[in-house]
PDB file of all heavy atoms in Angstrom:
ATOM      1  N   GLN A   1      -0.452 -13.928   0.065  1.00  0.00           N
ATOM      2  CA  GLN A   1       0.764 -13.197   0.542  1.00  0.00           C
ATOM      3  C   GLN A   1       0.857 -11.912  -0.262  1.00  0.00           C
ATOM      4  O   GLN A   1       0.647 -11.933  -1.445  1.00  0.00           O
ATOM      5  CB  GLN A   1       2.039 -14.068   0.380  1.00  0.00           C
ATOM      6  CG  GLN A   1       2.089 -15.252   1.283  1.00  0.00           C
ATOM      7  CD  GLN A   1       3.385 -16.036   1.137  1.00  0.00           C
ATOM      8  OE1 GLN A   1       3.799 -16.330   0.079  1.00  0.00           O
ATOM      9  NE2 GLN A   1       4.032 -16.302   2.314  1.00  0.00           N
ATOM     10  N   LEU A   2       1.110 -10.880   0.515  1.00  0.00           N
ATOM     11  CA  LEU A   2       1.285  -9.550  -0.052  1.00  0.00           C
ATOM     12  C   LEU A   2       2.546  -8.854   0.278  1.00  0.00           C
ATOM     13  O   LEU A   2       2.975  -8.923   1.399  1.00  0.00           O
ATOM     14  CB  LEU A   2       0.107  -8.666   0.499  1.00  0.00           C
ATOM     15  CG  LEU A   2      -1.280  -9.262   0.339  1.00  0.00           C
ATOM     16  CD1 LEU A   2      -2.288  -8.492   1.229  1.00  0.00           C
ATOM     17  CD2 LEU A   2      -1.751  -9.050  -1.142  1.00  0.00           C
ATOM     18  N   VAL A   3       3.229  -8.180  -0.675  1.00  0.00           N
ATOM     19  CA  VAL A   3       4.450  -7.503  -0.537  1.00  0.00           C
ATOM     20  C   VAL A   3       4.307  -6.139  -1.123  1.00  0.00           C
ATOM     21  O   VAL A   3       4.131  -5.970  -2.291  1.00  0.00           O
ATOM     22  CB  VAL A   3       5.623  -8.295  -1.126  1.00  0.00           C
ATOM     23  CG1 VAL A   3       6.820  -7.518  -0.875  1.00  0.00           C
ATOM     24  CG2 VAL A   3       5.701  -9.666  -0.552  1.00  0.00           C
ATOM     25  N   GLU A   4       4.469  -5.131  -0.297  1.00  0.00           N
ATOM     26  CA  GLU A   4       4.462  -3.719  -0.746  1.00  0.00           C
ATOM     27  C   GLU A   4       5.888  -3.343  -1.082  1.00  0.00           C
ATOM     28  O   GLU A   4       6.900  -3.744  -0.544  1.00  0.00           O
ATOM     29  CB  GLU A   4       3.960  -2.807   0.328  1.00  0.00           C
ATOM     30  CG  GLU A   4       2.577  -3.106   0.863  1.00  0.00           C
ATOM     31  CD  GLU A   4       2.579  -3.948   2.116  1.00  0.00           C
ATOM     32  OE1 GLU A   4       3.644  -4.677   2.257  1.00  0.00           O
ATOM     33  OE2 GLU A   4       1.608  -3.942   2.869  1.00  0.00           O
ATOM     34  N   SER A   5       5.977  -2.332  -2.028  1.00  0.00           N
ATOM     35  CA  SER A   5       7.269  -1.720  -2.434  1.00  0.00           C
ATOM     36  C   SER A   5       6.974  -0.336  -3.011  1.00  0.00           C
ATOM     37  O   SER A   5       5.899   0.046  -3.315  1.00  0.00           O
ATOM     38  CB  SER A   5       7.989  -2.677  -3.452  1.00  0.00           C
ATOM     39  OG  SER A   5       7.265  -2.751  -4.685  1.00  0.00           O
ATOM     40  N   GLY A   6       8.043   0.424  -3.104  1.00  0.00           N
ATOM     41  CA  GLY A   6       7.969   1.730  -3.749  1.00  0.00           C
ATOM     42  C   GLY A   6       8.026   2.867  -2.816  1.00  0.00           C
ATOM     43  O   GLY A   6       8.104   4.014  -3.298  1.00  0.00           O
ATOM     44  N   GLY A   7       8.060   2.647  -1.522  1.00  0.00           N
ATOM     45  CA  GLY A   7       8.047   3.777  -0.557  1.00  0.00           C
ATOM     46  C   GLY A   7       9.430   4.375  -0.577  1.00  0.00           C
ATOM     47  O   GLY A   7      10.446   3.890  -1.120  1.00  0.00           O
ATOM     48  N   GLY A   8       9.567   5.478   0.158  1.00  0.00           N
ATOM     49  CA  GLY A   8      10.767   6.212   0.245  1.00  0.00           C
ATOM     50  C   GLY A   8      10.595   7.607   0.721  1.00  0.00           C
ATOM     51  O   GLY A   8       9.593   8.037   1.245  1.00  0.00           O
ATOM     52  N   LEU A   9      11.611   8.420   0.521  1.00  0.00           N
ATOM     53  CA  LEU A   9      11.601   9.856   0.983  1.00  0.00           C
ATOM     54  C   LEU A   9      11.428  10.702  -0.259  1.00  0.00           C
ATOM     55  O   LEU A   9      12.134  10.605  -1.271  1.00  0.00           O
ATOM     56  CB  LEU A   9      12.976  10.193   1.613  1.00  0.00           C
ATOM     57  CG  LEU A   9      13.160  11.619   2.026  1.00  0.00           C
ATOM     58  CD1 LEU A   9      12.173  12.080   3.091  1.00  0.00           C
ATOM     59  CD2 LEU A   9      14.644  11.772   2.579  1.00  0.00           C
ATOM     60  N   VAL A  10      10.557  11.644  -0.114  1.00  0.00           N
ATOM     61  CA  VAL A  10      10.179  12.539  -1.317  1.00  0.00           C
ATOM     62  C   VAL A  10       9.901  13.930  -0.686  1.00  0.00           C
ATOM     63  O   VAL A  10       9.365  13.993   0.426  1.00  0.00           O
ATOM     64  CB  VAL A  10       9.024  12.016  -2.107  1.00  0.00           C
ATOM     65  CG1 VAL A  10       7.779  11.899  -1.308  1.00  0.00           C
ATOM     66  CG2 VAL A  10       8.839  12.775  -3.369  1.00  0.00           C
ATOM     67  N   GLN A  11      10.233  14.885  -1.429  1.00  0.00           N
ATOM     68  CA  GLN A  11       9.909  16.272  -1.003  1.00  0.00           C
ATOM     69  C   GLN A  11       8.359  16.612  -1.316  1.00  0.00           C
ATOM     70  O   GLN A  11       7.808  15.989  -2.105  1.00  0.00           O
ATOM     71  CB  GLN A  11      10.754  17.320  -1.812  1.00  0.00           C
ATOM     72  CG  GLN A  11      12.239  17.215  -1.459  1.00  0.00           C
ATOM     73  CD  GLN A  11      13.040  18.321  -2.102  1.00  0.00           C
ATOM     74  OE1 GLN A  11      12.530  18.990  -3.050  1.00  0.00           O
ATOM     75  NE2 GLN A  11      14.264  18.583  -1.779  1.00  0.00           N
ATOM     76  N   ALA A  12       7.919  17.500  -0.530  1.00  0.00           N
ATOM     77  CA  ALA A  12       6.509  17.974  -0.676  1.00  0.00           C
ATOM     78  C   ALA A  12       6.227  18.403  -2.103  1.00  0.00           C
ATOM     79  O   ALA A  12       7.043  19.031  -2.694  1.00  0.00           O
ATOM     80  CB  ALA A  12       6.124  19.128   0.300  1.00  0.00           C
ATOM     81  N   GLY A  13       5.104  17.945  -2.700  1.00  0.00           N
ATOM     82  CA  GLY A  13       4.749  18.219  -4.050  1.00  0.00           C
ATOM     83  C   GLY A  13       5.237  17.125  -5.012  1.00  0.00           C
ATOM     84  O   GLY A  13       4.813  17.135  -6.216  1.00  0.00           O
ATOM     85  N   GLY A  14       6.052  16.192  -4.572  1.00  0.00           N
ATOM     86  CA  GLY A  14       6.575  15.135  -5.406  1.00  0.00           C
ATOM     87  C   GLY A  14       5.589  13.980  -5.481  1.00  0.00           C
ATOM     88  O   GLY A  14       4.487  14.081  -5.025  1.00  0.00           O
ATOM     89  N   SER A  15       6.073  12.884  -6.190  1.00  0.00           N
ATOM     90  CA  SER A  15       5.209  11.765  -6.481  1.00  0.00           C
ATOM     91  C   SER A  15       5.938  10.488  -6.100  1.00  0.00           C
ATOM     92  O   SER A  15       7.181  10.404  -6.112  1.00  0.00           O
ATOM     93  CB  SER A  15       4.897  11.776  -7.937  1.00  0.00           C
ATOM     94  OG  SER A  15       4.147  12.855  -8.394  1.00  0.00           O
ATOM     95  N   LEU A  16       5.137   9.455  -5.817  1.00  0.00           N
ATOM     96  CA  LEU A  16       5.631   8.098  -5.554  1.00  0.00           C
ATOM     97  C   LEU A  16       4.609   7.101  -6.125  1.00  0.00           C
ATOM     98  O   LEU A  16       3.421   7.367  -6.161  1.00  0.00           O
ATOM     99  CB  LEU A  16       5.841   7.822  -4.100  1.00  0.00           C
ATOM    100  CG  LEU A  16       7.042   8.391  -3.384  1.00  0.00           C
ATOM    101  CD1 LEU A  16       6.960   8.082  -1.924  1.00  0.00           C
ATOM    102  CD2 LEU A  16       8.427   7.785  -3.956  1.00  0.00           C
ATOM    103  N   ARG A  17       5.094   5.981  -6.556  1.00  0.00           N
ATOM    104  CA  ARG A  17       4.285   4.873  -7.092  1.00  0.00           C
ATOM    105  C   ARG A  17       4.556   3.586  -6.225  1.00  0.00           C
ATOM    106  O   ARG A  17       5.642   3.061  -6.238  1.00  0.00           O
ATOM    107  CB  ARG A  17       4.642   4.613  -8.499  1.00  0.00           C
ATOM    108  CG  ARG A  17       3.589   3.622  -9.190  1.00  0.00           C
ATOM    109  CD  ARG A  17       4.056   3.419 -10.588  1.00  0.00           C
ATOM    110  NE  ARG A  17       3.091   2.478 -11.394  1.00  0.00           N
ATOM    111  CZ  ARG A  17       2.142   2.986 -12.134  1.00  0.00           C
ATOM    112  NH1 ARG A  17       1.892   4.297 -12.261  1.00  0.00           N
ATOM    113  NH2 ARG A  17       1.413   2.076 -12.781  1.00  0.00           N
ATOM    114  N   LEU A  18       3.583   3.369  -5.462  1.00  0.00           N
ATOM    115  CA  LEU A  18       3.621   2.074  -4.596  1.00  0.00           C
ATOM    116  C   LEU A  18       3.082   0.936  -5.315  1.00  0.00           C
ATOM    117  O   LEU A  18       2.112   1.021  -6.087  1.00  0.00           O
ATOM    118  CB  LEU A  18       2.904   2.259  -3.268  1.00  0.00           C
ATOM    119  CG  LEU A  18       3.216   3.487  -2.462  1.00  0.00           C
ATOM    120  CD1 LEU A  18       2.398   3.480  -1.188  1.00  0.00           C
ATOM    121  CD2 LEU A  18       4.726   3.559  -2.195  1.00  0.00           C
ATOM    122  N   SER A  19       3.618  -0.264  -5.060  1.00  0.00           N
ATOM    123  CA  SER A  19       3.132  -1.483  -5.661  1.00  0.00           C
ATOM    124  C   SER A  19       2.774  -2.543  -4.573  1.00  0.00           C
ATOM    125  O   SER A  19       3.580  -2.593  -3.539  1.00  0.00           O
ATOM    126  CB  SER A  19       4.149  -2.052  -6.646  1.00  0.00           C
ATOM    127  OG  SER A  19       4.387  -1.281  -7.760  1.00  0.00           O
ATOM    128  N   CYS A  20       1.823  -3.293  -4.766  1.00  0.00           N
ATOM    129  CA  CYS A  20       1.329  -4.376  -3.943  1.00  0.00           C
ATOM    130  C   CYS A  20       1.384  -5.636  -4.823  1.00  0.00           C
ATOM    131  O   CYS A  20       0.528  -5.725  -5.747  1.00  0.00           O
ATOM    132  CB  CYS A  20      -0.018  -4.176  -3.306  1.00  0.00           C
ATOM    133  SG  CYS A  20      -0.641  -5.530  -2.401  1.00  0.00           S
ATOM    134  N   ALA A  21       2.298  -6.517  -4.604  1.00  0.00           N
ATOM    135  CA  ALA A  21       2.397  -7.766  -5.294  1.00  0.00           C
ATOM    136  C   ALA A  21       1.722  -8.899  -4.505  1.00  0.00           C
ATOM    137  O   ALA A  21       2.114  -9.152  -3.316  1.00  0.00           O
ATOM    138  CB  ALA A  21       3.813  -8.154  -5.574  1.00  0.00           C
ATOM    139  N   ALA A  22       0.761  -9.559  -5.042  1.00  0.00           N
ATOM    140  CA  ALA A  22       0.010 -10.594  -4.427  1.00  0.00           C
ATOM    141  C   ALA A  22       0.298 -12.029  -4.950  1.00  0.00           C
ATOM    142  O   ALA A  22       0.541 -12.156  -6.232  1.00  0.00           O
ATOM    143  CB  ALA A  22      -1.521 -10.346  -4.536  1.00  0.00           C
ATOM    144  N   SER A  23       0.334 -12.970  -4.129  1.00  0.00           N
ATOM    145  CA  SER A  23       0.480 -14.375  -4.527  1.00  0.00           C
ATOM    146  C   SER A  23      -0.531 -15.240  -3.800  1.00  0.00           C
ATOM    147  O   SER A  23      -0.914 -15.010  -2.656  1.00  0.00           O
ATOM    148  CB  SER A  23       1.836 -14.881  -4.339  1.00  0.00           C
ATOM    149  OG  SER A  23       2.186 -14.801  -2.987  1.00  0.00           O
ATOM    150  N   GLY A  24      -1.040 -16.270  -4.454  1.00  0.00           N
ATOM    151  CA  GLY A  24      -1.976 -17.132  -3.907  1.00  0.00           C
ATOM    152  C   GLY A  24      -3.002 -17.616  -4.963  1.00  0.00           C
ATOM    153  O   GLY A  24      -2.910 -17.297  -6.173  1.00  0.00           O
ATOM    154  N   ARG A  25      -3.971 -18.314  -4.585  1.00  0.00           N
ATOM    155  CA  ARG A  25      -5.022 -18.843  -5.501  1.00  0.00           C
ATOM    156  C   ARG A  25      -6.228 -18.010  -5.477  1.00  0.00           C
ATOM    157  O   ARG A  25      -6.629 -17.385  -4.477  1.00  0.00           O
ATOM    158  CB  ARG A  25      -5.333 -20.272  -5.113  1.00  0.00           C
ATOM    159  CG  ARG A  25      -4.194 -21.224  -5.129  1.00  0.00           C
ATOM    160  CD  ARG A  25      -4.575 -22.669  -4.833  1.00  0.00           C
ATOM    161  NE  ARG A  25      -5.253 -23.236  -5.981  1.00  0.00           N
ATOM    162  CZ  ARG A  25      -5.692 -24.516  -5.987  1.00  0.00           C
ATOM    163  NH1 ARG A  25      -5.523 -25.338  -4.915  1.00  0.00           N
ATOM    164  NH2 ARG A  25      -6.294 -24.960  -7.107  1.00  0.00           N
ATOM    165  N   PHE A  26      -6.946 -17.964  -6.579  1.00  0.00           N
ATOM    166  CA  PHE A  26      -8.225 -17.193  -6.787  1.00  0.00           C
ATOM    167  C   PHE A  26      -8.099 -15.704  -6.460  1.00  0.00           C
ATOM    168  O   PHE A  26      -9.003 -15.149  -5.864  1.00  0.00           O
ATOM    169  CB  PHE A  26      -9.291 -17.907  -5.991  1.00  0.00           C
ATOM    170  CG  PHE A  26      -9.453 -19.411  -6.128  1.00  0.00           C
ATOM    171  CD1 PHE A  26      -9.064 -20.231  -5.153  1.00  0.00           C
ATOM    172  CD2 PHE A  26      -9.879 -19.871  -7.316  1.00  0.00           C
ATOM    173  CE1 PHE A  26      -9.150 -21.635  -5.382  1.00  0.00           C
ATOM    174  CE2 PHE A  26     -10.047 -21.219  -7.593  1.00  0.00           C
ATOM    175  CZ  PHE A  26      -9.683 -22.145  -6.540  1.00  0.00           C
ATOM    176  N   LEU A  27      -6.980 -15.198  -6.881  1.00  0.00           N
ATOM    177  CA  LEU A  27      -6.823 -13.745  -6.557  1.00  0.00           C
ATOM    178  C   LEU A  27      -7.837 -12.833  -7.253  1.00  0.00           C
ATOM    179  O   LEU A  27      -8.075 -11.713  -6.770  1.00  0.00           O
ATOM    180  CB  LEU A  27      -5.335 -13.290  -7.055  1.00  0.00           C
ATOM    181  CG  LEU A  27      -4.245 -13.896  -6.165  1.00  0.00           C
ATOM    182  CD1 LEU A  27      -2.857 -13.418  -6.781  1.00  0.00           C
ATOM    183  CD2 LEU A  27      -4.300 -13.465  -4.719  1.00  0.00           C
ATOM    184  N   SER A  28      -8.410 -13.291  -8.329  1.00  0.00           N
ATOM    185  CA  SER A  28      -9.354 -12.452  -9.068  1.00  0.00           C
ATOM    186  C   SER A  28     -10.608 -12.240  -8.223  1.00  0.00           C
ATOM    187  O   SER A  28     -11.374 -11.381  -8.574  1.00  0.00           O
ATOM    188  CB  SER A  28      -9.752 -13.081 -10.400  1.00  0.00           C
ATOM    189  OG  SER A  28     -10.310 -14.399 -10.227  1.00  0.00           O
ATOM    190  N   THR A  29     -10.819 -13.089  -7.205  1.00  0.00           N
ATOM    191  CA  THR A  29     -12.017 -12.924  -6.353  1.00  0.00           C
ATOM    192  C   THR A  29     -11.825 -11.921  -5.250  1.00  0.00           C
ATOM    193  O   THR A  29     -12.746 -11.575  -4.415  1.00  0.00           O
ATOM    194  CB  THR A  29     -12.401 -14.235  -5.737  1.00  0.00           C
ATOM    195  OG1 THR A  29     -11.451 -14.746  -4.807  1.00  0.00           O
ATOM    196  CG2 THR A  29     -12.635 -15.279  -6.819  1.00  0.00           C
ATOM    197  N   TYR A  30     -10.617 -11.369  -5.009  1.00  0.00           N
ATOM    198  CA  TYR A  30     -10.293 -10.555  -3.931  1.00  0.00           C
ATOM    199  C   TYR A  30     -10.373  -9.014  -4.274  1.00  0.00           C
ATOM    200  O   TYR A  30     -10.229  -8.624  -5.414  1.00  0.00           O
ATOM    201  CB  TYR A  30      -8.770 -10.816  -3.468  1.00  0.00           C
ATOM    202  CG  TYR A  30      -8.736 -12.061  -2.612  1.00  0.00           C
ATOM    203  CD1 TYR A  30      -8.594 -13.308  -3.246  1.00  0.00           C
ATOM    204  CD2 TYR A  30      -8.729 -11.921  -1.248  1.00  0.00           C
ATOM    205  CE1 TYR A  30      -8.455 -14.512  -2.525  1.00  0.00           C
ATOM    206  CE2 TYR A  30      -8.618 -13.111  -0.478  1.00  0.00           C
ATOM    207  CZ  TYR A  30      -8.472 -14.376  -1.121  1.00  0.00           C
ATOM    208  OH  TYR A  30      -8.352 -15.475  -0.370  1.00  0.00           O
ATOM    209  N   VAL A  31     -10.593  -8.266  -3.231  1.00  0.00           N
ATOM    210  CA  VAL A  31     -10.421  -6.837  -3.274  1.00  0.00           C
ATOM    211  C   VAL A  31      -9.042  -6.558  -2.628  1.00  0.00           C
ATOM    212  O   VAL A  31      -8.730  -7.044  -1.569  1.00  0.00           O
ATOM    213  CB  VAL A  31     -11.586  -6.061  -2.505  1.00  0.00           C
ATOM    214  CG1 VAL A  31     -11.213  -4.584  -2.419  1.00  0.00           C
ATOM    215  CG2 VAL A  31     -12.870  -6.329  -3.180  1.00  0.00           C
ATOM    216  N   ILE A  32      -8.367  -5.622  -3.263  1.00  0.00           N
ATOM    217  CA  ILE A  32      -6.946  -5.178  -2.675  1.00  0.00           C
ATOM    218  C   ILE A  32      -7.192  -3.783  -2.171  1.00  0.00           C
ATOM    219  O   ILE A  32      -7.630  -2.958  -2.973  1.00  0.00           O
ATOM    220  CB  ILE A  32      -5.913  -5.317  -3.731  1.00  0.00           C
ATOM    221  CG1 ILE A  32      -5.770  -6.630  -4.354  1.00  0.00           C
ATOM    222  CG2 ILE A  32      -4.614  -4.865  -3.129  1.00  0.00           C
ATOM    223  CD1 ILE A  32      -5.413  -7.776  -3.289  1.00  0.00           C
ATOM    224  N   GLY A  33      -6.903  -3.589  -0.947  1.00  0.00           N
ATOM    225  CA  GLY A  33      -6.994  -2.292  -0.361  1.00  0.00           C
ATOM    226  C   GLY A  33      -5.714  -1.694   0.027  1.00  0.00           C
ATOM    227  O   GLY A  33      -4.666  -2.472   0.336  1.00  0.00           O
ATOM    228  N   TRP A  34      -5.554  -0.360   0.055  1.00  0.00           N
ATOM    229  CA  TRP A  34      -4.380   0.387   0.541  1.00  0.00           C
ATOM    230  C   TRP A  34      -4.827   1.058   1.774  1.00  0.00           C
ATOM    231  O   TRP A  34      -5.853   1.847   1.803  1.00  0.00           O
ATOM    232  CB  TRP A  34      -3.838   1.343  -0.422  1.00  0.00           C
ATOM    233  CG  TRP A  34      -3.031   0.755  -1.598  1.00  0.00           C
ATOM    234  CD1 TRP A  34      -3.465   0.449  -2.815  1.00  0.00           C
ATOM    235  CD2 TRP A  34      -1.588   0.343  -1.458  1.00  0.00           C
ATOM    236  NE1 TRP A  34      -2.364  -0.106  -3.533  1.00  0.00           N
ATOM    237  CE2 TRP A  34      -1.284  -0.193  -2.676  1.00  0.00           C
ATOM    238  CE3 TRP A  34      -0.684   0.358  -0.459  1.00  0.00           C
ATOM    239  CZ2 TRP A  34       0.008  -0.660  -2.954  1.00  0.00           C
ATOM    240  CZ3 TRP A  34       0.573  -0.109  -0.686  1.00  0.00           C
ATOM    241  CH2 TRP A  34       0.922  -0.587  -1.923  1.00  0.00           C
ATOM    242  N   PHE A  35      -4.109   0.992   2.887  1.00  0.00           N
ATOM    243  CA  PHE A  35      -4.297   1.765   4.180  1.00  0.00           C
ATOM    244  C   PHE A  35      -2.947   2.323   4.558  1.00  0.00           C
ATOM    245  O   PHE A  35      -1.912   1.962   4.192  1.00  0.00           O
ATOM    246  CB  PHE A  35      -4.784   0.737   5.218  1.00  0.00           C
ATOM    247  CG  PHE A  35      -6.233   0.203   4.987  1.00  0.00           C
ATOM    248  CD1 PHE A  35      -6.424  -0.799   4.131  1.00  0.00           C
ATOM    249  CD2 PHE A  35      -7.196   0.817   5.586  1.00  0.00           C
ATOM    250  CE1 PHE A  35      -7.695  -1.320   3.899  1.00  0.00           C
ATOM    251  CE2 PHE A  35      -8.550   0.325   5.448  1.00  0.00           C
ATOM    252  CZ  PHE A  35      -8.752  -0.710   4.591  1.00  0.00           C
ATOM    253  N   ARG A  36      -3.101   3.305   5.455  1.00  0.00           N
ATOM    254  CA  ARG A  36      -1.858   3.978   5.957  1.00  0.00           C
ATOM    255  C   ARG A  36      -2.020   4.207   7.456  1.00  0.00           C
ATOM    256  O   ARG A  36      -3.095   4.375   7.954  1.00  0.00           O
ATOM    257  CB  ARG A  36      -1.501   5.209   5.222  1.00  0.00           C
ATOM    258  CG  ARG A  36      -2.391   6.386   5.550  1.00  0.00           C
ATOM    259  CD  ARG A  36      -2.031   7.625   4.651  1.00  0.00           C
ATOM    260  NE  ARG A  36      -2.805   8.751   4.946  1.00  0.00           N
ATOM    261  CZ  ARG A  36      -2.708   9.877   4.360  1.00  0.00           C
ATOM    262  NH1 ARG A  36      -1.925  10.006   3.347  1.00  0.00           N
ATOM    263  NH2 ARG A  36      -3.478  10.926   4.729  1.00  0.00           N
ATOM    264  N   GLN A  37      -0.880   4.271   8.171  1.00  0.00           N
ATOM    265  CA  GLN A  37      -0.886   4.474   9.556  1.00  0.00           C
ATOM    266  C   GLN A  37       0.295   5.249   9.953  1.00  0.00           C
ATOM    267  O   GLN A  37       1.438   4.828   9.784  1.00  0.00           O
ATOM    268  CB  GLN A  37      -1.030   3.181  10.369  1.00  0.00           C
ATOM    269  CG  GLN A  37      -1.219   3.424  11.888  1.00  0.00           C
ATOM    270  CD  GLN A  37      -1.667   2.217  12.643  1.00  0.00           C
ATOM    271  OE1 GLN A  37      -1.350   1.057  12.113  1.00  0.00           O
ATOM    272  NE2 GLN A  37      -2.314   2.315  13.728  1.00  0.00           N
ATOM    273  N   ALA A  38       0.076   6.494  10.504  1.00  0.00           N
ATOM    274  CA  ALA A  38       1.154   7.316  11.063  1.00  0.00           C
ATOM    275  C   ALA A  38       1.288   7.144  12.517  1.00  0.00           C
ATOM    276  O   ALA A  38       0.325   6.620  13.147  1.00  0.00           O
ATOM    277  CB  ALA A  38       0.758   8.834  10.715  1.00  0.00           C
ATOM    278  N   PRO A  39       2.440   7.407  13.090  1.00  0.00           N
ATOM    279  CA  PRO A  39       2.664   7.177  14.493  1.00  0.00           C
ATOM    280  C   PRO A  39       1.627   7.878  15.364  1.00  0.00           C
ATOM    281  O   PRO A  39       1.344   9.064  15.133  1.00  0.00           O
ATOM    282  CB  PRO A  39       4.071   7.739  14.747  1.00  0.00           C
ATOM    283  CG  PRO A  39       4.746   7.635  13.410  1.00  0.00           C
ATOM    284  CD  PRO A  39       3.690   7.858  12.386  1.00  0.00           C
ATOM    285  N   GLY A  40       1.000   7.133  16.267  1.00  0.00           N
ATOM    286  CA  GLY A  40      -0.009   7.737  17.163  1.00  0.00           C
ATOM    287  C   GLY A  40      -1.351   7.841  16.507  1.00  0.00           C
ATOM    288  O   GLY A  40      -2.261   8.420  17.187  1.00  0.00           O
ATOM    289  N   GLN A  41      -1.498   7.458  15.296  1.00  0.00           N
ATOM    290  CA  GLN A  41      -2.725   7.600  14.514  1.00  0.00           C
ATOM    291  C   GLN A  41      -3.442   6.338  14.290  1.00  0.00           C
ATOM    292  O   GLN A  41      -2.734   5.269  14.335  1.00  0.00           O
ATOM    293  CB  GLN A  41      -2.599   8.403  13.245  1.00  0.00           C
ATOM    294  CG  GLN A  41      -1.925   9.745  13.411  1.00  0.00           C
ATOM    295  CD  GLN A  41      -2.719  10.738  14.140  1.00  0.00           C
ATOM    296  OE1 GLN A  41      -3.972  10.824  13.937  1.00  0.00           O
ATOM    297  NE2 GLN A  41      -2.187  11.459  15.066  1.00  0.00           N
ATOM    298  N   GLU A  42      -4.718   6.378  13.986  1.00  0.00           N
ATOM    299  CA  GLU A  42      -5.415   5.161  13.579  1.00  0.00           C
ATOM    300  C   GLU A  42      -5.217   4.841  12.208  1.00  0.00           C
ATOM    301  O   GLU A  42      -4.761   5.668  11.358  1.00  0.00           O
ATOM    302  CB  GLU A  42      -6.930   5.377  13.862  1.00  0.00           C
ATOM    303  CG  GLU A  42      -7.388   5.616  15.234  1.00  0.00           C
ATOM    304  CD  GLU A  42      -7.177   4.388  16.098  1.00  0.00           C
ATOM    305  OE1 GLU A  42      -7.450   3.283  15.687  1.00  0.00           O
ATOM    306  OE2 GLU A  42      -6.671   4.526  17.261  1.00  0.00           O
ATOM    307  N   ARG A  43      -5.381   3.521  11.881  1.00  0.00           N
ATOM    308  CA  ARG A  43      -5.231   3.093  10.484  1.00  0.00           C
ATOM    309  C   ARG A  43      -6.278   3.800   9.610  1.00  0.00           C
ATOM    310  O   ARG A  43      -7.432   3.878   9.991  1.00  0.00           O
ATOM    311  CB  ARG A  43      -5.306   1.613  10.388  1.00  0.00           C
ATOM    312  CG  ARG A  43      -4.829   0.983   9.076  1.00  0.00           C
ATOM    313  CD  ARG A  43      -5.136  -0.466   9.026  1.00  0.00           C
ATOM    314  NE  ARG A  43      -4.661  -1.181  10.196  1.00  0.00           N
ATOM    315  CZ  ARG A  43      -3.468  -1.812  10.199  1.00  0.00           C
ATOM    316  NH1 ARG A  43      -2.665  -1.839   9.196  1.00  0.00           N
ATOM    317  NH2 ARG A  43      -3.037  -2.472  11.316  1.00  0.00           N
ATOM    318  N   GLU A  44      -5.909   4.304   8.468  1.00  0.00           N
ATOM    319  CA  GLU A  44      -6.760   5.078   7.602  1.00  0.00           C
ATOM    320  C   GLU A  44      -6.922   4.520   6.246  1.00  0.00           C
ATOM    321  O   GLU A  44      -5.816   4.104   5.625  1.00  0.00           O
ATOM    322  CB  GLU A  44      -6.115   6.508   7.538  1.00  0.00           C
ATOM    323  CG  GLU A  44      -7.044   7.505   6.706  1.00  0.00           C
ATOM    324  CD  GLU A  44      -6.392   8.842   6.688  1.00  0.00           C
ATOM    325  OE1 GLU A  44      -5.049   8.983   6.755  1.00  0.00           O
ATOM    326  OE2 GLU A  44      -7.056   9.930   6.653  1.00  0.00           O
ATOM    327  N   PHE A  45      -8.112   4.454   5.689  1.00  0.00           N
ATOM    328  CA  PHE A  45      -8.246   3.933   4.342  1.00  0.00           C
ATOM    329  C   PHE A  45      -7.825   4.899   3.347  1.00  0.00           C
ATOM    330  O   PHE A  45      -8.112   6.116   3.400  1.00  0.00           O
ATOM    331  CB  PHE A  45      -9.731   3.653   4.175  1.00  0.00           C
ATOM    332  CG  PHE A  45     -10.148   3.260   2.807  1.00  0.00           C
ATOM    333  CD1 PHE A  45      -9.808   2.072   2.206  1.00  0.00           C
ATOM    334  CD2 PHE A  45     -10.826   4.167   1.977  1.00  0.00           C
ATOM    335  CE1 PHE A  45     -10.082   1.748   0.973  1.00  0.00           C
ATOM    336  CE2 PHE A  45     -11.124   3.875   0.606  1.00  0.00           C
ATOM    337  CZ  PHE A  45     -10.756   2.591   0.146  1.00  0.00           C
ATOM    338  N   VAL A  46      -7.110   4.411   2.324  1.00  0.00           N
ATOM    339  CA  VAL A  46      -6.570   5.210   1.273  1.00  0.00           C
ATOM    340  C   VAL A  46      -7.295   4.825  -0.068  1.00  0.00           C
ATOM    341  O   VAL A  46      -7.777   5.769  -0.745  1.00  0.00           O
ATOM    342  CB  VAL A  46      -5.095   4.959   1.107  1.00  0.00           C
ATOM    343  CG1 VAL A  46      -4.514   5.787  -0.085  1.00  0.00           C
ATOM    344  CG2 VAL A  46      -4.339   5.340   2.355  1.00  0.00           C
TER     345      VAL A  46
END
């Protein structure tokens, strides 16, 4: 299970710190990826 947090509204030039909290077994064997998707756009690797 994965839960993202940290998003919000920021002005251009600013900063944000996103977090992905994972739960489950054998998490050390996984790769964690960040992707984004804007309206009308394809999912993009970050």
